[in-house]
Amino acid sequence: MSIPYPLEFEKPLAEIESKIDAIGAAPSDSVPSFDKELGELRRTHAKMLKKIYANLSPWDTVRVARHPRRPQFRDYVGLLCKEFTELHGDRRFRDDPAIVTGFARIGSTKCLLVGHHKGRDTEEKLACHFGCAHPEGYRKALAKMQLAEKFGLPIVTFVDTPGAYPGLGAEERGQAEAIAVNLREMARLETPIVSIVIGEGGSGGALGIAVADRVAMLEHAWYSVISPEGCAAILWKEANAKTNDEAARALNLTAKDNLKLGIIDDIIKEPLGGAHRDPRATAEAMEKWILEQLGSLKRTKRSNLPKKRYARFRAMGEFAEIDEEPAGDPSEP
């Protein structure tokens, strides 16, 4: 019941969770029945959890999206797919483990999966650069997407990155160019594309695989032009608890904010307490959304998809400017 690595705002739940674990671990034949007490503890726990997660601040949402136990792309592959065949390499430099690609079957639908992967243990995290892809990762993703288009397969992408890798080698190999080419070419692909922000969605590193016909976010994910820490460091010259919180509020990075602004199309609900508490239920909700969207997009003529996809992104940031008539001289009749 108890979750390792409790978040700061979840600490009031720790005592209740430890009691539930203690009762559950006790041999049933050596102690009297505690069914009534256990039921009461669980009800109290659920009530507190619901109250806490109903009032998360944007910065708290960022911390949930970064929870060490939050499901990652490879976790969802195991939960979503009946079959998965991974494809490697960009045919230019090397394979980038921060972006994983492969043909898969979700339900009865064959598709290509593309997703950021951060890694679980220290060794894997270092190999994946904590989900920050290099140019070869974006080039690998695009090459596999073009292969999917050739075979008439839809594309499903999973975004989970704080941003593209900013190191010297990545810049020397054309990081900005690789992302820019992905934006252009994904807009042109004549095959359905759906994308889900499953954790972090930072800057061009996220958008490099998220130019899609339909975009959704998990309830406790974030999606923005920059991370709160990066924003705080620029605006206040210091990233700390206070400035990070202020930056997170100013960035409008939550799923609700992005839906309101028209950046995304849907919010996929997470189980009470976040995806890390019930990855399977989260995967089931994601599968339902993916199959619904792909079923809808199949009814669109493939040659019309790029035009509609372009119009979707072109419409972002539209505003109306009203020219007010200058006020006349009050002394004039």
C-alpha atoms as a PDB file:
ATOM      1  CA  MET A   1       0.000   0.000   0.000  1.00  0.00           C
ATOM      2  CA  SER A   2       2.706   2.461   0.960  1.00  0.00           C
ATOM      3  CA  ILE A   3       4.541   4.144  -1.905  1.00  0.00           C
ATOM      4  CA  PRO A   4       8.349   4.461  -1.778  1.00  0.00           C
ATOM      5  CA  TYR A   5       9.636   8.008  -2.329  1.00  0.00           C
ATOM      6  CA  PRO A   6       6.571   9.823  -0.919  1.00  0.00           C
ATOM      7  CA  LEU A   7       6.187  13.352  -2.187  1.00  0.00           C
ATOM      8  CA  GLU A   8       6.261  16.205   0.333  1.00  0.00           C
ATOM      9  CA  PHE A   9       2.532  16.858   0.125  1.00  0.00           C
ATOM     10  CA  GLU A  10       1.802  13.113   0.485  1.00  0.00           C
ATOM     11  CA  LYS A  11       3.530  12.761   3.858  1.00  0.00           C
ATOM     12  CA  PRO A  12       0.258  13.041   5.880  1.00  0.00           C
ATOM     13  CA  LEU A  13      -0.688   9.726   4.260  1.00  0.00           C
ATOM     14  CA  ALA A  14       2.462   7.909   5.399  1.00  0.00           C
ATOM     15  CA  GLU A  15       1.207   6.983   8.886  1.00  0.00           C
ATOM     16  CA  ILE A  16      -2.068   5.580   7.552  1.00  0.00           C
ATOM     17  CA  GLU A  17      -0.268   3.614   4.851  1.00  0.00           C
ATOM     18  CA  SER A  18       2.156   2.106   7.384  1.00  0.00           C
ATOM     19  CA  LYS A  19      -0.774   0.949   9.547  1.00  0.00           C
ATOM     20  CA  ILE A  20      -2.508  -0.602   6.530  1.00  0.00           C
ATOM     21  CA  ASP A  21       0.722  -2.399   5.587  1.00  0.00           C
ATOM     22  CA  ALA A  22       1.221  -3.652   9.150  1.00  0.00           C
ATOM     23  CA  ILE A  23      -2.275  -5.109   9.352  1.00  0.00           C
ATOM     24  CA  GLY A  24      -1.973  -6.639   5.901  1.00  0.00           C
ATOM     25  CA  ALA A  25       1.386  -8.269   6.755  1.00  0.00           C
ATOM     26  CA  ALA A  26       0.171  -9.859   9.985  1.00  0.00           C
ATOM     27  CA  PRO A  27      -0.599 -13.631   9.784  1.00  0.00           C
ATOM     28  CA  SER A  28      -4.368 -14.068   9.687  1.00  0.00           C
ATOM     29  CA  ASP A  29      -4.299 -17.008  12.137  1.00  0.00           C
ATOM     30  CA  SER A  30      -2.184 -15.282  14.787  1.00  0.00           C
ATOM     31  CA  VAL A  31      -4.159 -12.089  15.338  1.00  0.00           C
ATOM     32  CA  PRO A  32      -7.831 -11.233  15.677  1.00  0.00           C
ATOM     33  CA  SER A  33      -9.618  -9.975  12.602  1.00  0.00           C
ATOM     34  CA  PHE A  34      -9.027  -6.308  11.869  1.00  0.00           C
ATOM     35  CA  ASP A  35     -11.337  -6.144   8.859  1.00  0.00           C
ATOM     36  CA  LYS A  36     -13.372  -3.293  10.325  1.00  0.00           C
ATOM     37  CA  GLU A  37     -10.308  -1.235  11.263  1.00  0.00           C
ATOM     38  CA  LEU A  38      -8.668  -1.980   7.916  1.00  0.00           C
ATOM     39  CA  GLY A  39     -11.763  -0.854   6.040  1.00  0.00           C
ATOM     40  CA  GLU A  40     -11.914   2.379   8.035  1.00  0.00           C
ATOM     41  CA  LEU A  41      -8.226   3.091   7.418  1.00  0.00           C
ATOM     42  CA  ARG A  42      -8.641   2.534   3.691  1.00  0.00           C
ATOM     43  CA  ARG A  43     -11.640   4.842   3.537  1.00  0.00           C
ATOM     44  CA  THR A  44      -9.748   7.535   5.440  1.00  0.00           C
ATOM     45  CA  HIS A  45      -6.737   7.079   3.172  1.00  0.00           C
ATOM     46  CA  ALA A  46      -8.827   7.385   0.000  1.00  0.00           C
ATOM     47  CA  LYS A  47     -10.583  10.489   1.334  1.00  0.00           C
ATOM     48  CA  MET A  48      -7.289  12.199   2.202  1.00  0.00           C
ATOM     49  CA  LEU A  49      -5.722  11.188  -1.109  1.00  0.00           C
ATOM     50  CA  LYS A  50      -8.669  12.583  -3.055  1.00  0.00           C
ATOM     51  CA  LYS A  51      -8.510  15.864  -1.146  1.00  0.00           C
ATOM     52  CA  ILE A  52      -4.747  16.239  -1.672  1.00  0.00           C
ATOM     53  CA  TYR A  53      -4.836  15.503  -5.407  1.00  0.00           C
ATOM     54  CA  ALA A  54      -7.854  17.721  -5.976  1.00  0.00           C
ATOM     55  CA  ASN A  55      -5.820  20.719  -4.791  1.00  0.00           C
ATOM     56  CA  LEU A  56      -2.415  20.225  -6.378  1.00  0.00           C
ATOM     57  CA  SER A  57      -0.514  23.361  -7.295  1.00  0.00           C
ATOM     58  CA  PRO A  58       1.173  23.475 -10.732  1.00  0.00           C
ATOM     59  CA  TRP A  59       4.549  22.862  -9.054  1.00  0.00           C
ATOM     60  CA  ASP A  60       3.103  19.845  -7.211  1.00  0.00           C
ATOM     61  CA  THR A  61       1.893  18.545 -10.579  1.00  0.00           C
ATOM     62  CA  VAL A  62       5.441  18.801 -11.918  1.00  0.00           C
ATOM     63  CA  ARG A  63       6.672  16.757  -8.967  1.00  0.00           C
ATOM     64  CA  VAL A  64       4.035  14.075  -9.579  1.00  0.00           C
ATOM     65  CA  ALA A  65       5.091  13.922 -13.242  1.00  0.00           C
ATOM     66  CA  ARG A  66       8.672  13.299 -12.052  1.00  0.00           C
ATOM     67  CA  HIS A  67       7.833  10.680  -9.413  1.00  0.00           C
ATOM     68  CA  PRO A  68      10.536   7.947  -9.464  1.00  0.00           C
ATOM     69  CA  ARG A  69       7.870   5.234  -9.641  1.00  0.00           C
ATOM     70  CA  ARG A  70       5.807   6.871 -12.389  1.00  0.00           C
ATOM     71  CA  PRO A  71       5.369   4.504 -15.364  1.00  0.00           C
ATOM     72  CA  GLN A  72       7.660   5.187 -18.313  1.00  0.00           C
ATOM     73  CA  PHE A  73       7.392   4.380 -22.006  1.00  0.00           C
ATOM     74  CA  ARG A  74       8.780   0.836 -21.747  1.00  0.00           C
ATOM     75  CA  ASP A  75       6.374   0.130 -18.877  1.00  0.00           C
ATOM     76  CA  TYR A  76       3.435   1.153 -21.044  1.00  0.00           C
ATOM     77  CA  VAL A  77       4.723  -0.964 -23.928  1.00  0.00           C
ATOM     78  CA  GLY A  78       4.430  -4.011 -21.675  1.00  0.00           C
ATOM     79  CA  LEU A  79       0.964  -3.012 -20.483  1.00  0.00           C
ATOM     80  CA  LEU A  80      -0.496  -1.812 -23.804  1.00  0.00           C
ATOM     81  CA  CYS A  81       0.953  -4.004 -26.508  1.00  0.00           C
ATOM     82  CA  LYS A  82       0.282  -7.597 -27.466  1.00  0.00           C
ATOM     83  CA  GLU A  83       3.364  -7.491 -29.692  1.00  0.00           C
ATOM     84  CA  PHE A  84       6.330  -5.109 -29.900  1.00  0.00           C
ATOM     85  CA  THR A  85       9.348  -5.256 -32.199  1.00  0.00           C
ATOM     86  CA  GLU A  86      11.910  -2.574 -31.426  1.00  0.00           C
ATOM     87  CA  LEU A  87      13.695  -0.748 -34.246  1.00  0.00           C
ATOM     88  CA  HIS A  88      17.134   0.784 -33.676  1.00  0.00           C
ATOM     89  CA  GLY A  89      19.434   3.401 -35.137  1.00  0.00           C
ATOM     90  CA  ASP A  90      19.210   6.530 -37.278  1.00  0.00           C
ATOM     91  CA  ARG A  91      21.431   5.218 -40.153  1.00  0.00           C
ATOM     92  CA  ARG A  92      23.729   8.187 -39.649  1.00  0.00           C
ATOM     93  CA  PHE A  93      25.499   8.069 -36.289  1.00  0.00           C
ATOM     94  CA  ARG A  94      24.183   5.623 -33.652  1.00  0.00           C
ATOM     95  CA  ASP A  95      21.182   4.422 -31.682  1.00  0.00           C
ATOM     96  CA  ASP A  96      19.837   6.765 -28.984  1.00  0.00           C
ATOM     97  CA  PRO A  97      18.220   4.902 -26.045  1.00  0.00           C
ATOM     98  CA  ALA A  98      16.416   8.095 -24.951  1.00  0.00           C
ATOM     99  CA  ILE A  99      13.943   7.576 -27.811  1.00  0.00           C
ATOM    100  CA  VAL A 100      12.521   4.097 -28.370  1.00  0.00           C
ATOM    101  CA  THR A 101      10.729   3.084 -31.569  1.00  0.00           C
ATOM    102  CA  GLY A 102       9.068  -0.104 -32.733  1.00  0.00           C
ATOM    103  CA  PHE A 103       6.166  -1.754 -34.494  1.00  0.00           C
ATOM    104  CA  ALA A 104       3.407  -2.858 -32.145  1.00  0.00           C
ATOM    105  CA  ARG A 105      -0.143  -4.093 -31.884  1.00  0.00           C
ATOM    106  CA  ILE A 106      -2.541  -2.277 -29.541  1.00  0.00           C
ATOM    107  CA  GLY A 107      -5.747  -4.263 -29.373  1.00  0.00           C
ATOM    108  CA  SER A 108      -6.227  -5.330 -32.982  1.00  0.00           C
ATOM    109  CA  THR A 109      -4.559  -2.195 -34.383  1.00  0.00           C
ATOM    110  CA  LYS A 110      -1.068  -2.391 -35.862  1.00  0.00           C
ATOM    111  CA  CYS A 111       0.934   0.799 -35.385  1.00  0.00           C
ATOM    112  CA  LEU A 112       4.340   2.350 -34.825  1.00  0.00           C
ATOM    113  CA  LEU A 113       5.220   3.430 -31.290  1.00  0.00           C
ATOM    114  CA  VAL A 114       7.701   6.227 -30.594  1.00  0.00           C
ATOM    115  CA  GLY A 115       8.474   7.370 -27.074  1.00  0.00           C
ATOM    116  CA  HIS A 116      10.951   9.024 -24.755  1.00  0.00           C
ATOM    117  CA  HIS A 117      12.415   6.737 -22.114  1.00  0.00           C
ATOM    118  CA  LYS A 118      14.174   8.083 -19.005  1.00  0.00           C
ATOM    119  CA  GLY A 119      15.474   4.858 -17.478  1.00  0.00           C
ATOM    120  CA  ARG A 120      14.896   3.232 -14.090  1.00  0.00           C
ATOM    121  CA  ASP A 121      18.204   2.467 -12.375  1.00  0.00           C
ATOM    122  CA  THR A 122      21.242   4.726 -12.372  1.00  0.00           C
ATOM    123  CA  GLU A 123      22.988   2.930 -15.235  1.00  0.00           C
ATOM    124  CA  GLU A 124      19.927   3.099 -17.504  1.00  0.00           C
ATOM    125  CA  LYS A 125      19.230   6.730 -16.615  1.00  0.00           C
ATOM    126  CA  LEU A 126      22.771   7.718 -17.551  1.00  0.00           C
ATOM    127  CA  ALA A 127      22.542   5.779 -20.824  1.00  0.00           C
ATOM    128  CA  CYS A 128      19.232   7.504 -21.643  1.00  0.00           C
ATOM    129  CA  HIS A 129      20.470  10.900 -20.413  1.00  0.00           C
ATOM    130  CA  PHE A 130      17.352  11.023 -18.216  1.00  0.00           C
ATOM    131  CA  GLY A 131      15.103  11.099 -21.289  1.00  0.00           C
ATOM    132  CA  CYS A 132      16.933  13.966 -23.006  1.00  0.00           C
ATOM    133  CA  ALA A 133      17.372  12.824 -26.607  1.00  0.00           C
ATOM    134  CA  HIS A 134      20.290  13.591 -28.928  1.00  0.00           C
ATOM    135  CA  PRO A 135      19.870  14.469 -32.636  1.00  0.00           C
ATOM    136  CA  GLU A 136      20.226  10.792 -33.550  1.00  0.00           C
ATOM    137  CA  GLY A 137      17.168  10.068 -31.404  1.00  0.00           C
ATOM    138  CA  TYR A 138      14.989  12.485 -33.355  1.00  0.00           C
ATOM    139  CA  ARG A 139      16.416  11.271 -36.674  1.00  0.00           C
ATOM    140  CA  LYS A 140      15.707   7.676 -35.660  1.00  0.00           C
ATOM    141  CA  ALA A 141      12.137   8.636 -34.762  1.00  0.00           C
ATOM    142  CA  LEU A 142      11.559  10.365 -38.097  1.00  0.00           C
ATOM    143  CA  ALA A 143      13.067   7.506 -40.139  1.00  0.00           C
ATOM    144  CA  LYS A 144      10.742   5.019 -38.436  1.00  0.00           C
ATOM    145  CA  MET A 145       7.736   7.321 -38.866  1.00  0.00           C
ATOM    146  CA  GLN A 146       8.437   7.544 -42.581  1.00  0.00           C
ATOM    147  CA  LEU A 147       8.636   3.743 -42.647  1.00  0.00           C
ATOM    148  CA  ALA A 148       5.227   3.574 -40.939  1.00  0.00           C
ATOM    149  CA  GLU A 149       3.822   5.945 -43.564  1.00  0.00           C
ATOM    150  CA  LYS A 150       5.197   3.688 -46.314  1.00  0.00           C
ATOM    151  CA  PHE A 151       3.349   0.691 -44.870  1.00  0.00           C
ATOM    152  CA  GLY A 152       0.186   2.653 -44.094  1.00  0.00           C
ATOM    153  CA  LEU A 153       0.471   2.277 -40.305  1.00  0.00           C
ATOM    154  CA  PRO A 154      -0.686   4.890 -37.776  1.00  0.00           C
ATOM    155  CA  ILE A 155       1.841   6.416 -35.366  1.00  0.00           C
ATOM    156  CA  VAL A 156       1.454   6.702 -31.582  1.00  0.00           C
ATOM    157  CA  THR A 157       3.995   8.818 -29.690  1.00  0.00           C
ATOM    158  CA  PHE A 158       4.611   9.079 -25.947  1.00  0.00           C
ATOM    159  CA  VAL A 159       6.215  12.288 -24.705  1.00  0.00           C
ATOM    160  CA  ASP A 160       8.218  12.253 -21.472  1.00  0.00           C
ATOM    161  CA  THR A 161      11.262  14.529 -21.471  1.00  0.00           C
ATOM    162  CA  PRO A 162      12.424  17.666 -19.656  1.00  0.00           C
ATOM    163  CA  GLY A 163      13.918  18.761 -22.997  1.00  0.00           C
ATOM    164  CA  ALA A 164      16.389  17.784 -25.692  1.00  0.00           C
ATOM    165  CA  TYR A 165      19.971  17.086 -24.601  1.00  0.00           C
ATOM    166  CA  PRO A 166      21.938  20.388 -24.558  1.00  0.00           C
ATOM    167  CA  GLY A 167      25.485  18.998 -24.628  1.00  0.00           C
ATOM    168  CA  LEU A 168      28.319  19.967 -26.963  1.00  0.00           C
ATOM    169  CA  GLY A 169      28.181  16.755 -29.011  1.00  0.00           C
ATOM    170  CA  ALA A 170      24.444  17.120 -29.559  1.00  0.00           C
ATOM    171  CA  GLU A 171      24.881  20.694 -30.744  1.00  0.00           C
ATOM    172  CA  GLU A 172      27.760  19.720 -33.046  1.00  0.00           C
ATOM    173  CA  ARG A 173      25.587  17.040 -34.660  1.00  0.00           C
ATOM    174  CA  GLY A 174      22.718  19.471 -35.273  1.00  0.00           C
ATOM    175  CA  GLN A 175      20.263  19.218 -32.379  1.00  0.00           C
ATOM    176  CA  ALA A 176      18.127  22.191 -33.448  1.00  0.00           C
ATOM    177  CA  GLU A 177      18.171  21.111 -37.105  1.00  0.00           C
ATOM    178  CA  ALA A 178      17.080  17.567 -36.237  1.00  0.00           C
ATOM    179  CA  ILE A 179      14.098  18.811 -34.211  1.00  0.00           C
ATOM    180  CA  ALA A 180      13.161  21.387 -36.861  1.00  0.00           C
ATOM    181  CA  VAL A 181      13.203  18.744 -39.595  1.00  0.00           C
ATOM    182  CA  ASN A 182      10.988  16.510 -37.456  1.00  0.00           C
ATOM    183  CA  LEU A 183       8.466  19.325 -37.033  1.00  0.00           C
ATOM    184  CA  ARG A 184       8.353  19.915 -40.781  1.00  0.00           C
ATOM    185  CA  GLU A 185       8.262  16.285 -41.863  1.00  0.00           C
ATOM    186  CA  MET A 186       5.761  15.110 -39.236  1.00  0.00           C
ATOM    187  CA  ALA A 187       3.403  17.815 -40.471  1.00  0.00           C
ATOM    188  CA  ARG A 188       3.623  16.238 -43.946  1.00  0.00           C
ATOM    189  CA  LEU A 189       3.150  12.550 -43.085  1.00  0.00           C
ATOM    190  CA  GLU A 190       0.094  11.019 -44.724  1.00  0.00           C
ATOM    191  CA  THR A 191      -0.743   8.676 -41.886  1.00  0.00           C
ATOM    192  CA  PRO A 192      -2.658   9.237 -38.624  1.00  0.00           C
ATOM    193  CA  ILE A 193      -0.552  10.440 -35.676  1.00  0.00           C
ATOM    194  CA  VAL A 194      -1.690  10.597 -32.055  1.00  0.00           C
ATOM    195  CA  SER A 195       0.447  11.734 -29.144  1.00  0.00           C
ATOM    196  CA  ILE A 196       0.210  11.500 -25.345  1.00  0.00           C
ATOM    197  CA  VAL A 197       2.267  13.485 -22.831  1.00  0.00           C
ATOM    198  CA  ILE A 198       2.737  10.815 -20.155  1.00  0.00           C
ATOM    199  CA  GLY A 199       5.017  12.756 -17.795  1.00  0.00           C
ATOM    200  CA  GLU A 200       7.140  15.743 -18.689  1.00  0.00           C
ATOM    201  CA  GLY A 201       6.734  17.679 -21.925  1.00  0.00           C
ATOM    202  CA  GLY A 202       9.579  20.160 -22.105  1.00  0.00           C
ATOM    203  CA  SER A 203      10.178  22.544 -25.013  1.00  0.00           C
ATOM    204  CA  GLY A 204      11.272  21.426 -28.487  1.00  0.00           C
ATOM    205  CA  GLY A 205      12.503  18.159 -27.041  1.00  0.00           C
ATOM    206  CA  ALA A 206       8.861  17.217 -26.507  1.00  0.00           C
ATOM    207  CA  LEU A 207       7.461  18.801 -29.665  1.00  0.00           C
ATOM    208  CA  GLY A 208      10.019  16.917 -31.782  1.00  0.00           C
ATOM    209  CA  ILE A 209       7.781  13.825 -31.649  1.00  0.00           C
ATOM    210  CA  ALA A 210       4.444  15.497 -30.875  1.00  0.00           C
ATOM    211  CA  VAL A 211       3.276  17.086 -34.142  1.00  0.00           C
ATOM    212  CA  ALA A 212       0.105  15.002 -34.208  1.00  0.00           C
ATOM    213  CA  ASP A 213      -3.505  14.988 -35.357  1.00  0.00           C
ATOM    214  CA  ARG A 214      -4.672  14.433 -31.775  1.00  0.00           C
ATOM    215  CA  VAL A 215      -2.732  15.275 -28.608  1.00  0.00           C
ATOM    216  CA  ALA A 216      -3.656  14.293 -25.057  1.00  0.00           C
ATOM    217  CA  MET A 217      -2.045  14.594 -21.653  1.00  0.00           C
ATOM    218  CA  LEU A 218      -2.244  12.370 -18.627  1.00  0.00           C
ATOM    219  CA  GLU A 219      -3.958  14.238 -15.814  1.00  0.00           C
ATOM    220  CA  HIS A 220      -0.783  14.878 -13.797  1.00  0.00           C
ATOM    221  CA  ALA A 221       1.638  15.520 -16.671  1.00  0.00           C
ATOM    222  CA  TRP A 222       3.030  18.923 -17.671  1.00  0.00           C
ATOM    223  CA  TYR A 223       3.680  20.453 -21.099  1.00  0.00           C
ATOM    224  CA  SER A 224       5.419  23.789 -21.627  1.00  0.00           C
ATOM    225  CA  VAL A 225       8.010  25.762 -23.534  1.00  0.00           C
ATOM    226  CA  ILE A 226      10.465  25.447 -20.620  1.00  0.00           C
ATOM    227  CA  SER A 227      10.736  23.738 -17.239  1.00  0.00           C
ATOM    228  CA  PRO A 228       9.808  25.752 -14.121  1.00  0.00           C
ATOM    229  CA  GLU A 229      13.426  25.680 -12.950  1.00  0.00           C
ATOM    230  CA  GLY A 230      14.673  26.988 -16.286  1.00  0.00           C
ATOM    231  CA  CYS A 231      12.070  29.736 -16.285  1.00  0.00           C
ATOM    232  CA  ALA A 232      12.888  30.686 -12.687  1.00  0.00           C
ATOM    233  CA  ALA A 233      16.613  30.820 -13.415  1.00  0.00           C
ATOM    234  CA  ILE A 234      15.990  33.216 -16.311  1.00  0.00           C
ATOM    235  CA  LEU A 235      13.423  35.504 -14.664  1.00  0.00           C
ATOM    236  CA  TRP A 236      14.637  35.562 -11.057  1.00  0.00           C
ATOM    237  CA  LYS A 237      18.278  34.468 -11.577  1.00  0.00           C
ATOM    238  CA  GLU A 238      17.683  31.722  -9.030  1.00  0.00           C
ATOM    239  CA  ALA A 239      15.696  28.478  -8.984  1.00  0.00           C
ATOM    240  CA  ASN A 240      14.382  27.684  -5.518  1.00  0.00           C
ATOM    241  CA  ALA A 241      11.119  26.462  -3.987  1.00  0.00           C
ATOM    242  CA  LYS A 242       9.480  29.890  -4.197  1.00  0.00           C
ATOM    243  CA  THR A 243      10.575  30.847  -7.715  1.00  0.00           C
ATOM    244  CA  ASN A 244       9.892  27.347  -9.073  1.00  0.00           C
ATOM    245  CA  ASP A 245       6.341  27.557  -7.743  1.00  0.00           C
ATOM    246  CA  GLU A 246       5.809  31.031  -9.229  1.00  0.00           C
ATOM    247  CA  ALA A 247       7.245  29.944 -12.577  1.00  0.00           C
ATOM    248  CA  ALA A 248       5.048  26.837 -12.700  1.00  0.00           C
ATOM    249  CA  ARG A 249       1.962  28.981 -12.156  1.00  0.00           C
ATOM    250  CA  ALA A 250       3.002  31.520 -14.798  1.00  0.00           C
ATOM    251  CA  LEU A 251       3.761  28.878 -17.442  1.00  0.00           C
ATOM    252  CA  ASN A 252       0.222  27.420 -17.513  1.00  0.00           C
ATOM    253  CA  LEU A 253       1.769  23.978 -17.867  1.00  0.00           C
ATOM    254  CA  THR A 254      -0.868  21.659 -16.372  1.00  0.00           C
ATOM    255  CA  ALA A 255      -3.193  19.485 -18.426  1.00  0.00           C
ATOM    256  CA  LYS A 256      -6.157  21.731 -17.586  1.00  0.00           C
ATOM    257  CA  ASP A 257      -4.250  24.831 -18.688  1.00  0.00           C
ATOM    258  CA  ASN A 258      -3.169  23.230 -21.969  1.00  0.00           C
ATOM    259  CA  LEU A 259      -6.696  22.042 -22.709  1.00  0.00           C
ATOM    260  CA  LYS A 260      -8.089  25.516 -22.020  1.00  0.00           C
ATOM    261  CA  LEU A 261      -5.499  27.094 -24.334  1.00  0.00           C
ATOM    262  CA  GLY A 262      -6.213  24.620 -27.141  1.00  0.00           C
ATOM    263  CA  ILE A 263      -2.724  23.082 -27.078  1.00  0.00           C
ATOM    264  CA  ILE A 264      -4.130  19.609 -26.439  1.00  0.00           C
ATOM    265  CA  ASP A 265      -7.404  17.918 -27.306  1.00  0.00           C
ATOM    266  CA  ASP A 266      -8.060  15.692 -24.275  1.00  0.00           C
ATOM    267  CA  ILE A 267      -7.044  14.895 -20.714  1.00  0.00           C
ATOM    268  CA  ILE A 268      -6.697  11.212 -19.814  1.00  0.00           C
ATOM    269  CA  LYS A 269      -7.696  10.664 -16.197  1.00  0.00           C
ATOM    270  CA  GLU A 270      -5.227   8.954 -13.898  1.00  0.00           C
ATOM    271  CA  PRO A 271      -6.115   6.665 -10.984  1.00  0.00           C
ATOM    272  CA  LEU A 272      -6.568   8.399  -7.640  1.00  0.00           C
ATOM    273  CA  GLY A 273      -3.122   9.418  -6.424  1.00  0.00           C
ATOM    274  CA  GLY A 274      -1.411   9.359  -9.820  1.00  0.00           C
ATOM    275  CA  ALA A 275      -0.317   6.826 -12.429  1.00  0.00           C
ATOM    276  CA  HIS A 276       2.408   5.445 -10.155  1.00  0.00           C
ATOM    277  CA  ARG A 277      -0.266   4.019  -7.851  1.00  0.00           C
ATOM    278  CA  ASP A 278      -1.968   1.976 -10.572  1.00  0.00           C
ATOM    279  CA  PRO A 279      -0.024   1.752 -13.869  1.00  0.00           C
ATOM    280  CA  ARG A 280      -2.355  -0.883 -15.329  1.00  0.00           C
ATOM    281  CA  ALA A 281      -5.478   1.253 -14.904  1.00  0.00           C
ATOM    282  CA  THR A 282      -3.610   4.179 -16.469  1.00  0.00           C
ATOM    283  CA  ALA A 283      -2.595   2.032 -19.431  1.00  0.00           C
ATOM    284  CA  GLU A 284      -6.190   0.885 -19.918  1.00  0.00           C
ATOM    285  CA  ALA A 285      -7.412   4.497 -20.042  1.00  0.00           C
ATOM    286  CA  MET A 286      -4.663   5.346 -22.533  1.00  0.00           C
ATOM    287  CA  GLU A 287      -5.497   2.345 -24.716  1.00  0.00           C
ATOM    288  CA  LYS A 288      -9.150   3.356 -24.863  1.00  0.00           C
ATOM    289  CA  TRP A 289      -8.218   6.906 -25.941  1.00  0.00           C
ATOM    290  CA  ILE A 290      -5.677   5.739 -28.531  1.00  0.00           C
ATOM    291  CA  LEU A 291      -8.079   3.291 -30.197  1.00  0.00           C
ATOM    292  CA  GLU A 292     -10.894   5.857 -30.220  1.00  0.00           C
ATOM    293  CA  GLN A 293      -8.715   8.486 -31.891  1.00  0.00           C
ATOM    294  CA  LEU A 294      -7.201   6.113 -34.437  1.00  0.00           C
ATOM    295  CA  GLY A 295     -10.672   4.814 -35.283  1.00  0.00           C
ATOM    296  CA  SER A 296     -11.853   8.373 -35.881  1.00  0.00           C
ATOM    297  CA  LEU A 297      -8.802   9.338 -37.952  1.00  0.00           C
ATOM    298  CA  LYS A 298      -9.156   6.272 -40.181  1.00  0.00           C
ATOM    299  CA  ARG A 299     -12.278   7.865 -41.613  1.00  0.00           C
ATOM    300  CA  THR A 300     -10.219  10.803 -42.887  1.00  0.00           C
ATOM    301  CA  LYS A 301      -8.657  10.495 -46.322  1.00  0.00           C
ATOM    302  CA  ARG A 302      -4.904  10.119 -45.820  1.00  0.00           C
ATOM    303  CA  SER A 303      -4.040  12.868 -48.287  1.00  0.00           C
ATOM    304  CA  ASN A 304      -6.139  15.309 -46.216  1.00  0.00           C
ATOM    305  CA  LEU A 305      -4.369  14.576 -42.913  1.00  0.00           C
ATOM    306  CA  PRO A 306      -1.370  16.933 -43.444  1.00  0.00           C
ATOM    307  CA  LYS A 307      -3.659  19.852 -44.304  1.00  0.00           C
ATOM    308  CA  LYS A 308      -5.756  19.343 -41.161  1.00  0.00           C
ATOM    309  CA  ARG A 309      -2.683  18.775 -38.996  1.00  0.00           C
ATOM    310  CA  TYR A 310      -1.108  21.994 -40.281  1.00  0.00           C
ATOM    311  CA  ALA A 311      -4.315  23.927 -39.639  1.00  0.00           C
ATOM    312  CA  ARG A 312      -4.481  22.558 -36.089  1.00  0.00           C
ATOM    313  CA  PHE A 313      -1.054  23.902 -35.161  1.00  0.00           C
ATOM    314  CA  ARG A 314      -1.418  27.071 -37.213  1.00  0.00           C
ATOM    315  CA  ALA A 315      -4.493  28.018 -35.187  1.00  0.00           C
ATOM    316  CA  MET A 316      -2.582  28.000 -31.887  1.00  0.00           C
ATOM    317  CA  GLY A 317      -1.999  31.442 -30.472  1.00  0.00           C
ATOM    318  CA  GLU A 318      -4.670  33.149 -32.552  1.00  0.00           C
ATOM    319  CA  PHE A 319      -6.092  36.319 -31.063  1.00  0.00           C
ATOM    320  CA  ALA A 320      -8.421  39.103 -32.111  1.00  0.00           C
ATOM    321  CA  GLU A 321      -7.261  42.711 -32.059  1.00  0.00           C
ATOM    322  CA  ILE A 322      -9.937  45.350 -31.678  1.00  0.00           C
ATOM    323  CA  ASP A 323      -9.231  48.849 -32.974  1.00  0.00           C
ATOM    324  CA  GLU A 324     -10.836  51.335 -30.652  1.00  0.00           C
ATOM    325  CA  GLU A 325     -11.971  54.655 -32.037  1.00  0.00           C
ATOM    326  CA  PRO A 326      -9.839  57.448 -30.562  1.00  0.00           C
ATOM    327  CA  ALA A 327     -11.725  59.500 -28.037  1.00  0.00           C
ATOM    328  CA  GLY A 328     -12.790  62.913 -29.412  1.00  0.00           C
ATOM    329  CA  ASP A 329     -11.954  66.262 -27.875  1.00  0.00           C
ATOM    330  CA  PRO A 330     -14.531  66.747 -25.109  1.00  0.00           C
ATOM    331  CA  SER A 331     -14.449  70.539 -25.752  1.00  0.00           C
ATOM    332  CA  GLU A 332     -15.733  70.051 -29.297  1.00  0.00           C
ATOM    333  CA  PRO A 333     -19.523  70.163 -29.815  1.00  0.00           C
END
